[in-house]
């Protein structure tokens, strides 16, 4: 039976730990929508994160954008109908990816802002890499979506960033780090945050709704679920 589902193209591997979560959620959402043995139509281009991480650290974003643009072209050639960049941080080069192909890109920050607004919230805390928390490419996109975005103090930002790269990207999940993240969340809530965006796809491996006194918005899940809904837009439940 042809469900009419579009093919989702994934630019992944940044890190593969969170890309694996994308694959799982895409298929769970498709089964939820279609039932039975249905699974997601998708293709994956997984890059070597060590190379990307070096470009990030060195500020060579244009080169990183070229790598992801090449991945996008390969996904278009493989038949992708829409694209996902399976990482918040690398949305810094989203414009390069969009310019590389005619395939529409589903922007992670847009899917997240939609979910926050749907929950009736406006003022949110943001956890992510230092790039995501401190630079405008992501915060600005959320603000353009109508959100008032707060980030941790400098000490909190350094902690959140370190745990992502030194632990979560390597599949290491420590109770001590979970407790530290909880304290950062509590500080954001004390500062007025009505919800907290888990703005790095690996963070969902460490904390969830039970770790926050306010709603959390897991961006990998929200992005993947929005992608399935978009891929099935012509399908009647």
Foldseek 3Di string as FASTA:
>chain_A
DDQQFFEEEEEEPLPVLLVVVLQVLLQVLQCVVPNDPDGHRYDYDHDHNVVVVVCVVVVVLVVNLVVLLVSLVVRVVVRGQEYEYLWLLNLVSVVSNVVSDVRHYDHLLLLQLVVCVVVVFAEEEEFDACSCQPDCSRVVSSVVSRHHYDYFDPVLNVLRNCCVVVALSVVHEDPVSLVSVLVRQVVSVVVPHQEYEHRTSSCVVHDACVSHPHHYGRRSSSSSSVSRCVSSVVGDD
